[in-house]
Amino acid sequence: MASDVLEMMQVLDIGSALVVGHSMGGRVAMVFSLAYPSMVDGMISIDMAPKEYPRGHDDIFEALERVDLHVESRKEAESVLAETIHDFGTRQFLMKNLSRKEGGEGFEWKMNLPVIKENYEDILTPIVSEVSYDGPALFIRGGRSSYILDEDLTMIRHFFPFAGVVTVEDAGHWVHADQPEATLTAISSFAEGL
């Protein structure tokens, strides 16, 4: 996925950028920063560390696959998700990936669900790199999330020696959904310092 970001930036003639990602996107931001540091003005990973993570999304894959994409409405699709995914914020995040097909006949997932599911184990592996990213970096974590723990800071600073860490209180893993203003403030403050 980091090479996809590289290709997109080349096609759009973007020489460098502040790279921001949440969860799996945070992993992409980290890998991209380590692989292409000259193209990164700064890196922000939201609630994701470079460590290995245990499986934990099988219920989400199952729920997404149970949605009949020929439903009449988004509400029907969400009701199927609600049978398995009880957290409203998680369902809303997933529903952002559902869009009506061109022509209006049924729905489709914007994400490539089969590819994500097939490569899920690879997404969970720890980041491996012989180099560090010596530019500005920020890790934003949710105060109620266990994705970035204090014991992860050593590994974070191994790869990102100049990384800062901001904890957004009253936020779980979906930091930007739980506390959008606090998350935006952290991102803006970091960007202003670049």
N, C-alpha and C. Protein backbone atom coordinates (compact mmCIF):
# COMPACT_ATOMS: atom_id res chain seq x y z
N MET A 1 0.82 -1.20 0.00
CA MET A 1 0.00 0.00 0.00
C MET A 1 0.86 1.26 0.00
N ALA A 2 2.04 1.18 0.63
CA ALA A 2 2.94 2.33 0.60
C ALA A 2 3.39 2.63 -0.82
N SER A 3 3.60 1.59 -1.62
CA SER A 3 3.98 1.83 -3.02
C SER A 3 2.80 2.41 -3.81
N ASP A 4 1.57 2.12 -3.41
CA ASP A 4 0.40 2.74 -4.03
C ASP A 4 0.40 4.25 -3.75
N VAL A 5 0.73 4.61 -2.51
CA VAL A 5 0.81 6.03 -2.16
C VAL A 5 1.90 6.71 -2.98
N LEU A 6 3.05 6.05 -3.11
CA LEU A 6 4.13 6.59 -3.94
C LEU A 6 3.65 6.84 -5.36
N GLU A 7 3.02 5.84 -5.95
CA GLU A 7 2.54 5.98 -7.33
C GLU A 7 1.54 7.12 -7.45
N MET A 8 0.61 7.23 -6.49
CA MET A 8 -0.38 8.30 -6.53
C MET A 8 0.31 9.67 -6.46
N MET A 9 1.28 9.80 -5.55
CA MET A 9 1.97 11.09 -5.43
C MET A 9 2.74 11.42 -6.70
N GLN A 10 3.33 10.43 -7.33
CA GLN A 10 4.05 10.67 -8.58
C GLN A 10 3.09 11.09 -9.69
N VAL A 11 1.97 10.41 -9.81
CA VAL A 11 0.97 10.74 -10.84
C VAL A 11 0.44 12.16 -10.63
N LEU A 12 0.22 12.53 -9.37
CA LEU A 12 -0.31 13.85 -9.06
C LEU A 12 0.78 14.92 -8.94
N ASP A 13 2.03 14.52 -9.18
CA ASP A 13 3.17 15.43 -9.11
C ASP A 13 3.28 16.11 -7.74
N ILE A 14 3.13 15.30 -6.68
CA ILE A 14 3.29 15.78 -5.31
C ILE A 14 4.68 15.37 -4.85
N GLY A 15 5.55 16.33 -4.65
CA GLY A 15 6.93 16.03 -4.29
C GLY A 15 7.10 15.52 -2.88
N SER A 16 6.33 16.12 -1.96
CA SER A 16 6.38 15.68 -0.56
C SER A 16 5.08 16.10 0.10
N ALA A 17 4.80 15.46 1.24
CA ALA A 17 3.53 15.73 1.92
C ALA A 17 3.61 15.33 3.38
N LEU A 18 2.69 15.87 4.16
CA LEU A 18 2.44 15.39 5.51
C LEU A 18 1.58 14.14 5.34
N VAL A 19 2.06 13.01 5.81
CA VAL A 19 1.38 11.73 5.62
C VAL A 19 0.66 11.37 6.92
N VAL A 20 -0.66 11.17 6.83
CA VAL A 20 -1.48 10.88 8.00
C VAL A 20 -2.30 9.63 7.73
N GLY A 21 -2.36 8.73 8.71
CA GLY A 21 -3.18 7.54 8.56
C GLY A 21 -3.68 7.04 9.90
N HIS A 22 -4.86 6.44 9.88
CA HIS A 22 -5.46 5.84 11.07
C HIS A 22 -5.46 4.32 10.92
N SER A 23 -5.12 3.62 11.97
CA SER A 23 -5.17 2.16 12.03
C SER A 23 -4.33 1.57 10.90
N MET A 24 -4.93 0.81 9.98
CA MET A 24 -4.16 0.27 8.86
C MET A 24 -3.50 1.40 8.07
N GLY A 25 -4.18 2.51 7.94
CA GLY A 25 -3.60 3.68 7.28
C GLY A 25 -2.40 4.22 8.02
N GLY A 26 -2.39 4.08 9.35
CA GLY A 26 -1.23 4.47 10.14
C GLY A 26 -0.03 3.60 9.82
N ARG A 27 -0.29 2.32 9.60
CA ARG A 27 0.79 1.42 9.20
C ARG A 27 1.33 1.83 7.84
N VAL A 28 0.44 2.18 6.93
CA VAL A 28 0.87 2.63 5.60
C VAL A 28 1.72 3.89 5.74
N ALA A 29 1.28 4.82 6.58
CA ALA A 29 2.03 6.07 6.78
C ALA A 29 3.42 5.78 7.34
N MET A 30 3.50 4.84 8.29
CA MET A 30 4.81 4.51 8.86
C MET A 30 5.73 3.87 7.82
N VAL A 31 5.22 2.88 7.10
CA VAL A 31 6.03 2.18 6.09
C VAL A 31 6.45 3.15 4.99
N PHE A 32 5.53 4.00 4.56
CA PHE A 32 5.86 4.98 3.52
C PHE A 32 6.99 5.91 4.00
N SER A 33 6.90 6.38 5.24
CA SER A 33 7.91 7.28 5.79
C SER A 33 9.28 6.62 5.86
N LEU A 34 9.29 5.36 6.23
CA LEU A 34 10.56 4.63 6.32
C LEU A 34 11.14 4.35 4.94
N ALA A 35 10.28 4.08 3.97
CA ALA A 35 10.74 3.71 2.63
C ALA A 35 11.07 4.92 1.75
N TYR A 36 10.33 6.01 1.92
CA TYR A 36 10.48 7.18 1.04
C TYR A 36 10.60 8.47 1.87
N PRO A 37 11.58 8.56 2.76
CA PRO A 37 11.65 9.70 3.68
C PRO A 37 11.75 11.07 3.01
N SER A 38 12.34 11.13 1.83
CA SER A 38 12.48 12.44 1.16
C SER A 38 11.13 12.97 0.67
N MET A 39 10.14 12.12 0.62
CA MET A 39 8.81 12.55 0.16
C MET A 39 7.88 12.86 1.33
N VAL A 40 8.41 12.80 2.56
CA VAL A 40 7.58 12.97 3.75
C VAL A 40 8.02 14.21 4.52
N ASP A 41 7.10 15.18 4.62
CA ASP A 41 7.36 16.38 5.41
C ASP A 41 7.16 16.09 6.90
N GLY A 42 6.32 15.16 7.18
CA GLY A 42 6.01 14.74 8.54
C GLY A 42 5.09 13.54 8.46
N MET A 43 5.04 12.75 9.55
CA MET A 43 4.22 11.53 9.56
C MET A 43 3.37 11.52 10.83
N ILE A 44 2.08 11.23 10.66
CA ILE A 44 1.18 11.07 11.80
C ILE A 44 0.51 9.71 11.70
N SER A 45 0.66 8.92 12.76
CA SER A 45 -0.04 7.64 12.86
C SER A 45 -1.08 7.78 13.97
N ILE A 46 -2.33 7.54 13.61
CA ILE A 46 -3.40 7.65 14.58
C ILE A 46 -3.77 6.26 15.08
N ASP A 47 -3.47 6.04 16.34
CA ASP A 47 -3.78 4.84 17.10
C ASP A 47 -3.26 3.56 16.44
N MET A 48 -2.01 3.61 16.03
CA MET A 48 -1.33 2.42 15.48
C MET A 48 0.16 2.56 15.74
N ALA A 49 0.74 1.50 16.27
CA ALA A 49 2.18 1.44 16.54
C ALA A 49 2.83 0.50 15.53
N PRO A 50 4.16 0.47 15.48
CA PRO A 50 4.82 -0.44 14.52
C PRO A 50 4.90 -1.89 14.99
N LYS A 51 4.24 -2.23 16.07
CA LYS A 51 4.33 -3.58 16.65
C LYS A 51 3.39 -4.56 15.96
N GLU A 52 3.51 -5.83 16.34
CA GLU A 52 2.60 -6.87 15.86
C GLU A 52 1.30 -6.78 16.65
N TYR A 53 0.19 -7.01 15.96
CA TYR A 53 -1.12 -6.98 16.60
C TYR A 53 -1.78 -8.35 16.48
N PRO A 54 -2.58 -8.72 17.47
CA PRO A 54 -3.30 -9.99 17.38
C PRO A 54 -4.52 -9.85 16.46
N ARG A 55 -5.00 -10.98 15.97
CA ARG A 55 -6.25 -10.96 15.20
C ARG A 55 -7.34 -10.35 16.06
N GLY A 56 -8.25 -9.66 15.43
CA GLY A 56 -9.31 -9.05 16.23
C GLY A 56 -10.44 -8.48 15.41
N HIS A 57 -10.48 -8.78 14.12
CA HIS A 57 -11.50 -8.19 13.27
C HIS A 57 -12.34 -9.23 12.52
N ASP A 58 -12.26 -10.47 12.96
CA ASP A 58 -13.01 -11.52 12.25
C ASP A 58 -14.52 -11.26 12.30
N ASP A 59 -15.00 -10.71 13.41
CA ASP A 59 -16.42 -10.39 13.51
C ASP A 59 -16.81 -9.30 12.50
N ILE A 60 -15.89 -8.38 12.25
CA ILE A 60 -16.17 -7.31 11.28
C ILE A 60 -16.19 -7.87 9.87
N PHE A 61 -15.21 -8.72 9.54
CA PHE A 61 -15.23 -9.36 8.21
C PHE A 61 -16.53 -10.13 8.01
N GLU A 62 -16.92 -10.90 9.02
CA GLU A 62 -18.14 -11.70 8.92
C GLU A 62 -19.36 -10.81 8.71
N ALA A 63 -19.45 -9.73 9.48
CA ALA A 63 -20.60 -8.82 9.35
C ALA A 63 -20.63 -8.16 7.97
N LEU A 64 -19.49 -7.71 7.48
CA LEU A 64 -19.45 -7.06 6.17
C LEU A 64 -19.84 -8.02 5.07
N GLU A 65 -19.40 -9.26 5.18
CA GLU A 65 -19.73 -10.26 4.15
C GLU A 65 -21.19 -10.69 4.20
N ARG A 66 -21.84 -10.50 5.34
CA ARG A 66 -23.26 -10.87 5.47
C ARG A 66 -24.20 -9.83 4.86
N VAL A 67 -23.69 -8.63 4.60
CA VAL A 67 -24.54 -7.58 4.03
C VAL A 67 -24.85 -7.93 2.58
N ASP A 68 -26.13 -8.04 2.28
CA ASP A 68 -26.58 -8.25 0.90
C ASP A 68 -26.49 -6.90 0.19
N LEU A 69 -25.60 -6.79 -0.77
CA LEU A 69 -25.37 -5.51 -1.43
C LEU A 69 -26.51 -5.12 -2.38
N HIS A 70 -27.53 -5.94 -2.44
CA HIS A 70 -28.71 -5.60 -3.24
C HIS A 70 -29.85 -5.08 -2.36
N VAL A 71 -29.52 -4.70 -1.11
CA VAL A 71 -30.54 -4.14 -0.22
C VAL A 71 -31.09 -2.85 -0.82
N GLU A 72 -32.25 -2.45 -0.34
CA GLU A 72 -32.91 -1.24 -0.86
C GLU A 72 -32.33 0.05 -0.28
N SER A 73 -31.79 -0.06 0.96
CA SER A 73 -31.35 1.17 1.63
C SER A 73 -30.11 0.91 2.49
N ARG A 74 -29.45 2.01 2.81
CA ARG A 74 -28.30 1.94 3.71
C ARG A 74 -28.75 1.48 5.09
N LYS A 75 -29.95 1.88 5.48
CA LYS A 75 -30.49 1.50 6.80
C LYS A 75 -30.59 -0.02 6.92
N GLU A 76 -31.01 -0.68 5.85
CA GLU A 76 -31.08 -2.15 5.86
C GLU A 76 -29.68 -2.75 6.03
N ALA A 77 -28.71 -2.20 5.34
CA ALA A 77 -27.33 -2.70 5.45
C ALA A 77 -26.82 -2.50 6.88
N GLU A 78 -27.10 -1.35 7.45
CA GLU A 78 -26.63 -1.09 8.81
C GLU A 78 -27.30 -2.04 9.81
N SER A 79 -28.55 -2.38 9.59
CA SER A 79 -29.23 -3.29 10.52
C SER A 79 -28.57 -4.68 10.50
N VAL A 80 -28.05 -5.09 9.35
CA VAL A 80 -27.33 -6.37 9.27
C VAL A 80 -26.02 -6.26 10.06
N LEU A 81 -25.31 -5.15 9.89
CA LEU A 81 -24.07 -4.95 10.65
C LEU A 81 -24.34 -4.93 12.15
N ALA A 82 -25.47 -4.32 12.55
CA ALA A 82 -25.80 -4.17 13.97
C ALA A 82 -26.01 -5.51 14.66
N GLU A 83 -26.35 -6.54 13.91
CA GLU A 83 -26.55 -7.86 14.51
C GLU A 83 -25.25 -8.38 15.12
N THR A 84 -24.12 -8.00 14.55
CA THR A 84 -22.81 -8.48 15.02
C THR A 84 -22.00 -7.37 15.66
N ILE A 85 -22.06 -6.17 15.09
CA ILE A 85 -21.24 -5.05 15.56
C ILE A 85 -22.13 -4.11 16.37
N HIS A 86 -22.00 -4.19 17.68
CA HIS A 86 -22.89 -3.45 18.57
C HIS A 86 -22.46 -2.01 18.80
N ASP A 87 -21.18 -1.71 18.54
CA ASP A 87 -20.67 -0.36 18.75
C ASP A 87 -21.11 0.55 17.61
N PHE A 88 -21.86 1.59 17.95
CA PHE A 88 -22.41 2.51 16.95
C PHE A 88 -21.30 3.19 16.14
N GLY A 89 -20.24 3.65 16.81
CA GLY A 89 -19.15 4.34 16.11
C GLY A 89 -18.47 3.46 15.09
N THR A 90 -18.26 2.18 15.43
CA THR A 90 -17.64 1.25 14.50
C THR A 90 -18.54 1.03 13.29
N ARG A 91 -19.84 0.86 13.54
CA ARG A 91 -20.78 0.69 12.41
C ARG A 91 -20.78 1.90 11.50
N GLN A 92 -20.76 3.10 12.10
CA GLN A 92 -20.77 4.31 11.28
C GLN A 92 -19.51 4.42 10.44
N PHE A 93 -18.38 4.04 11.02
CA PHE A 93 -17.12 4.05 10.27
C PHE A 93 -17.22 3.09 9.08
N LEU A 94 -17.73 1.89 9.33
CA LEU A 94 -17.85 0.90 8.25
C LEU A 94 -18.84 1.36 7.19
N MET A 95 -19.92 1.99 7.61
CA MET A 95 -20.93 2.44 6.67
C MET A 95 -20.40 3.53 5.72
N LYS A 96 -19.34 4.23 6.14
CA LYS A 96 -18.73 5.23 5.24
C LYS A 96 -18.14 4.57 4.01
N ASN A 97 -17.90 3.27 4.10
CA ASN A 97 -17.32 2.52 2.98
C ASN A 97 -18.38 1.95 2.04
N LEU A 98 -19.65 2.18 2.34
CA LEU A 98 -20.73 1.65 1.51
C LEU A 98 -21.28 2.75 0.62
N SER A 99 -21.29 2.50 -0.68
CA SER A 99 -21.83 3.51 -1.59
C SER A 99 -22.74 2.84 -2.62
N ARG A 100 -23.68 3.63 -3.11
CA ARG A 100 -24.61 3.14 -4.11
C ARG A 100 -23.86 2.99 -5.44
N LYS A 101 -24.14 1.91 -6.15
CA LYS A 101 -23.50 1.69 -7.45
C LYS A 101 -23.98 2.73 -8.45
N GLU A 102 -23.13 2.96 -9.46
CA GLU A 102 -23.55 3.84 -10.55
C GLU A 102 -24.82 3.28 -11.16
N GLY A 103 -25.77 4.13 -11.42
CA GLY A 103 -27.04 3.67 -11.96
C GLY A 103 -28.05 3.38 -10.87
N GLY A 104 -27.61 3.34 -9.61
CA GLY A 104 -28.54 3.20 -8.50
C GLY A 104 -28.98 1.79 -8.16
N GLU A 105 -28.47 0.77 -8.86
CA GLU A 105 -28.89 -0.61 -8.60
C GLU A 105 -27.99 -1.27 -7.57
N GLY A 106 -28.37 -1.22 -6.31
CA GLY A 106 -27.60 -1.88 -5.27
C GLY A 106 -26.43 -1.04 -4.77
N PHE A 107 -25.64 -1.66 -3.90
CA PHE A 107 -24.53 -0.98 -3.24
C PHE A 107 -23.23 -1.73 -3.50
N GLU A 108 -22.13 -1.08 -3.13
CA GLU A 108 -20.82 -1.73 -3.21
C GLU A 108 -19.95 -1.17 -2.10
N TRP A 109 -18.97 -1.98 -1.68
CA TRP A 109 -18.00 -1.51 -0.70
C TRP A 109 -16.92 -0.74 -1.43
N LYS A 110 -16.55 0.43 -0.93
CA LYS A 110 -15.46 1.20 -1.53
C LYS A 110 -14.12 0.50 -1.30
N MET A 111 -14.00 -0.16 -0.15
CA MET A 111 -12.76 -0.88 0.16
C MET A 111 -12.73 -2.19 -0.61
N ASN A 112 -11.55 -2.70 -0.83
CA ASN A 112 -11.40 -3.99 -1.51
C ASN A 112 -11.41 -5.07 -0.43
N LEU A 113 -12.62 -5.41 0.03
CA LEU A 113 -12.80 -6.32 1.15
C LEU A 113 -12.11 -7.67 0.95
N PRO A 114 -12.24 -8.32 -0.21
CA PRO A 114 -11.56 -9.62 -0.37
C PRO A 114 -10.04 -9.52 -0.22
N VAL A 115 -9.43 -8.46 -0.74
CA VAL A 115 -7.98 -8.31 -0.65
C VAL A 115 -7.56 -8.01 0.79
N ILE A 116 -8.31 -7.17 1.48
CA ILE A 116 -7.99 -6.88 2.88
C ILE A 116 -8.08 -8.15 3.72
N LYS A 117 -9.14 -8.92 3.51
CA LYS A 117 -9.31 -10.16 4.28
C LYS A 117 -8.19 -11.16 3.95
N GLU A 118 -7.86 -11.29 2.69
CA GLU A 118 -6.83 -12.24 2.27
C GLU A 118 -5.46 -11.88 2.84
N ASN A 119 -5.18 -10.59 2.98
CA ASN A 119 -3.88 -10.14 3.44
C ASN A 119 -3.87 -9.67 4.89
N TYR A 120 -4.90 -10.03 5.61
CA TYR A 120 -5.07 -9.57 6.99
C TYR A 120 -3.86 -9.91 7.86
N GLU A 121 -3.35 -11.13 7.75
CA GLU A 121 -2.20 -11.54 8.57
C GLU A 121 -0.99 -10.64 8.30
N ASP A 122 -0.78 -10.24 7.05
CA ASP A 122 0.34 -9.36 6.71
C ASP A 122 0.18 -7.98 7.35
N ILE A 123 -1.06 -7.53 7.46
CA ILE A 123 -1.33 -6.22 8.04
C ILE A 123 -0.97 -6.22 9.53
N LEU A 124 -1.09 -7.37 10.18
CA LEU A 124 -0.87 -7.47 11.62
C LEU A 124 0.60 -7.61 12.02
N THR A 125 1.46 -7.94 11.06
CA THR A 125 2.86 -8.20 11.38
C THR A 125 3.57 -6.91 11.80
N PRO A 126 4.63 -7.04 12.59
CA PRO A 126 5.36 -5.83 12.99
C PRO A 126 6.08 -5.22 11.79
N ILE A 127 6.28 -3.93 11.86
CA ILE A 127 7.03 -3.24 10.81
C ILE A 127 8.50 -3.61 10.95
N VAL A 128 9.11 -3.93 9.83
CA VAL A 128 10.53 -4.28 9.80
C VAL A 128 11.23 -3.29 8.88
N SER A 129 12.30 -2.69 9.39
CA SER A 129 13.06 -1.74 8.57
C SER A 129 14.48 -1.65 9.12
N GLU A 130 15.41 -1.50 8.22
CA GLU A 130 16.82 -1.33 8.61
C GLU A 130 17.13 0.14 8.90
N VAL A 131 16.19 1.01 8.57
CA VAL A 131 16.41 2.45 8.74
C VAL A 131 15.33 3.03 9.64
N SER A 132 15.60 4.23 10.10
CA SER A 132 14.58 4.97 10.86
C SER A 132 14.17 6.19 10.04
N TYR A 133 13.04 6.76 10.40
CA TYR A 133 12.60 8.01 9.78
C TYR A 133 12.98 9.12 10.75
N ASP A 134 13.91 9.97 10.32
CA ASP A 134 14.45 10.99 11.21
C ASP A 134 13.75 12.33 11.10
N GLY A 135 12.60 12.35 10.45
CA GLY A 135 11.82 13.57 10.34
C GLY A 135 10.81 13.67 11.47
N PRO A 136 10.00 14.72 11.44
CA PRO A 136 8.99 14.91 12.48
C PRO A 136 7.89 13.85 12.38
N ALA A 137 7.52 13.31 13.53
CA ALA A 137 6.48 12.27 13.57
C ALA A 137 5.62 12.47 14.81
N LEU A 138 4.37 12.08 14.69
CA LEU A 138 3.43 12.18 15.80
C LEU A 138 2.58 10.93 15.84
N PHE A 139 2.42 10.39 17.02
CA PHE A 139 1.52 9.26 17.24
C PHE A 139 0.39 9.75 18.14
N ILE A 140 -0.82 9.68 17.61
CA ILE A 140 -2.00 10.09 18.36
C ILE A 140 -2.70 8.82 18.82
N ARG A 141 -2.95 8.72 20.13
CA ARG A 141 -3.61 7.53 20.64
C ARG A 141 -4.86 7.90 21.42
N GLY A 142 -5.81 6.98 21.42
CA GLY A 142 -7.02 7.18 22.20
C GLY A 142 -6.78 6.80 23.65
N GLY A 143 -7.26 7.62 24.56
CA GLY A 143 -7.08 7.35 25.98
C GLY A 143 -7.74 6.07 26.45
N ARG A 144 -8.78 5.62 25.74
CA ARG A 144 -9.47 4.37 26.08
C ARG A 144 -9.07 3.23 25.16
N SER A 145 -8.06 3.43 24.34
CA SER A 145 -7.63 2.43 23.38
C SER A 145 -6.39 1.71 23.89
N SER A 146 -6.24 0.46 23.48
CA SER A 146 -5.05 -0.31 23.85
C SER A 146 -4.11 -0.52 22.65
N TYR A 147 -4.34 0.22 21.58
CA TYR A 147 -3.52 0.05 20.37
C TYR A 147 -2.11 0.60 20.52
N ILE A 148 -1.93 1.70 21.26
CA ILE A 148 -0.60 2.23 21.55
C ILE A 148 -0.47 2.31 23.07
N LEU A 149 0.37 1.45 23.62
CA LEU A 149 0.59 1.40 25.06
C LEU A 149 1.92 2.09 25.40
N ASP A 150 2.09 2.44 26.67
CA ASP A 150 3.34 3.08 27.08
C ASP A 150 4.55 2.22 26.73
N GLU A 151 4.41 0.88 26.84
CA GLU A 151 5.55 0.01 26.53
C GLU A 151 5.88 -0.03 25.04
N ASP A 152 5.02 0.52 24.20
CA ASP A 152 5.29 0.59 22.76
C ASP A 152 6.18 1.78 22.39
N LEU A 153 6.38 2.70 23.31
CA LEU A 153 7.12 3.93 22.99
C LEU A 153 8.57 3.65 22.61
N THR A 154 9.18 2.64 23.20
CA THR A 154 10.56 2.30 22.85
C THR A 154 10.65 1.88 21.39
N MET A 155 9.74 1.02 20.95
CA MET A 155 9.73 0.58 19.55
C MET A 155 9.41 1.75 18.62
N ILE A 156 8.46 2.58 19.01
CA ILE A 156 8.11 3.75 18.21
C ILE A 156 9.34 4.62 17.99
N ARG A 157 10.07 4.89 19.08
CA ARG A 157 11.23 5.79 18.98
C ARG A 157 12.42 5.13 18.29
N HIS A 158 12.42 3.80 18.22
CA HIS A 158 13.47 3.11 17.45
C HIS A 158 13.34 3.47 15.97
N PHE A 159 12.10 3.44 15.46
CA PHE A 159 11.86 3.74 14.05
C PHE A 159 11.65 5.24 13.79
N PHE A 160 11.12 5.94 14.79
CA PHE A 160 10.77 7.36 14.65
C PHE A 160 11.36 8.11 15.85
N PRO A 161 12.68 8.36 15.83
CA PRO A 161 13.36 8.90 17.02
C PRO A 161 12.87 10.27 17.47
N PHE A 162 12.24 11.02 16.59
CA PHE A 162 11.76 12.34 16.97
C PHE A 162 10.24 12.38 17.13
N ALA A 163 9.66 11.23 17.41
CA ALA A 163 8.20 11.13 17.53
C ALA A 163 7.71 11.71 18.84
N GLY A 164 6.61 12.42 18.71
CA GLY A 164 5.86 12.85 19.88
C GLY A 164 4.63 11.97 20.00
N VAL A 165 4.04 11.95 21.18
CA VAL A 165 2.84 11.15 21.41
C VAL A 165 1.80 12.05 22.07
N VAL A 166 0.60 12.04 21.51
CA VAL A 166 -0.52 12.78 22.08
C VAL A 166 -1.61 11.78 22.42
N THR A 167 -2.11 11.86 23.64
CA THR A 167 -3.23 11.00 24.05
C THR A 167 -4.50 11.84 24.05
N VAL A 168 -5.48 11.38 23.30
CA VAL A 168 -6.78 12.06 23.25
C VAL A 168 -7.70 11.36 24.24
N GLU A 169 -8.02 12.07 25.30
CA GLU A 169 -8.86 11.49 26.36
C GLU A 169 -10.27 11.22 25.84
N ASP A 170 -10.94 10.30 26.48
CA ASP A 170 -12.32 9.93 26.12
C ASP A 170 -12.45 9.50 24.67
N ALA A 171 -11.41 8.84 24.16
CA ALA A 171 -11.46 8.32 22.79
C ALA A 171 -10.96 6.88 22.79
N GLY A 172 -11.63 6.05 22.00
CA GLY A 172 -11.18 4.69 21.79
C GLY A 172 -10.32 4.64 20.54
N HIS A 173 -10.32 3.49 19.88
CA HIS A 173 -9.50 3.33 18.67
C HIS A 173 -9.92 4.27 17.55
N TRP A 174 -11.21 4.57 17.48
CA TRP A 174 -11.72 5.48 16.44
C TRP A 174 -11.57 6.91 16.96
N VAL A 175 -10.34 7.32 17.23
CA VAL A 175 -10.03 8.58 17.88
C VAL A 175 -10.72 9.75 17.18
N HIS A 176 -10.57 9.82 15.87
CA HIS A 176 -11.11 10.95 15.11
C HIS A 176 -12.63 10.97 15.09
N ALA A 177 -13.28 9.83 15.30
CA ALA A 177 -14.75 9.79 15.37
C ALA A 177 -15.21 10.13 16.78
N ASP A 178 -14.49 9.63 17.79
CA ASP A 178 -14.88 9.88 19.19
C ASP A 178 -14.62 11.31 19.61
N GLN A 179 -13.50 11.86 19.19
CA GLN A 179 -13.10 13.22 19.59
C GLN A 179 -12.53 13.98 18.39
N PRO A 180 -13.40 14.34 17.43
CA PRO A 180 -12.90 14.96 16.20
C PRO A 180 -12.16 16.28 16.43
N GLU A 181 -12.66 17.13 17.31
CA GLU A 181 -12.01 18.43 17.51
C GLU A 181 -10.63 18.27 18.14
N ALA A 182 -10.52 17.41 19.13
CA ALA A 182 -9.22 17.19 19.79
C ALA A 182 -8.23 16.57 18.81
N THR A 183 -8.70 15.66 17.97
CA THR A 183 -7.83 15.03 16.97
C THR A 183 -7.36 16.07 15.95
N LEU A 184 -8.28 16.87 15.47
CA LEU A 184 -7.93 17.91 14.50
C LEU A 184 -6.95 18.93 15.11
N THR A 185 -7.15 19.27 16.37
CA THR A 185 -6.24 20.19 17.04
C THR A 185 -4.83 19.62 17.11
N ALA A 186 -4.72 18.33 17.44
CA ALA A 186 -3.40 17.69 17.51
C ALA A 186 -2.72 17.67 16.15
N ILE A 187 -3.49 17.35 15.10
CA ILE A 187 -2.94 17.31 13.75
C ILE A 187 -2.53 18.72 13.31
N SER A 188 -3.39 19.70 13.54
CA SER A 188 -3.10 21.08 13.13
C SER A 188 -1.88 21.64 13.85
N SER A 189 -1.77 21.38 15.15
CA SER A 189 -0.61 21.87 15.92
C SER A 189 0.68 21.28 15.38
N PHE A 190 0.64 19.98 15.07
CA PHE A 190 1.82 19.33 14.51
C PHE A 190 2.17 19.92 13.14
N ALA A 191 1.16 20.08 12.29
CA ALA A 191 1.39 20.60 10.93
C ALA A 191 1.94 22.03 10.96
N GLU A 192 1.47 22.84 11.91
CA GLU A 192 1.95 24.21 12.00
C GLU A 192 3.42 24.28 12.37
N GLY A 193 3.92 23.25 13.03
CA GLY A 193 5.33 23.21 13.44
C GLY A 193 6.27 22.70 12.37
N LEU A 194 5.75 22.28 11.23
CA LEU A 194 6.60 21.74 10.17
C LEU A 194 7.33 22.85 9.41
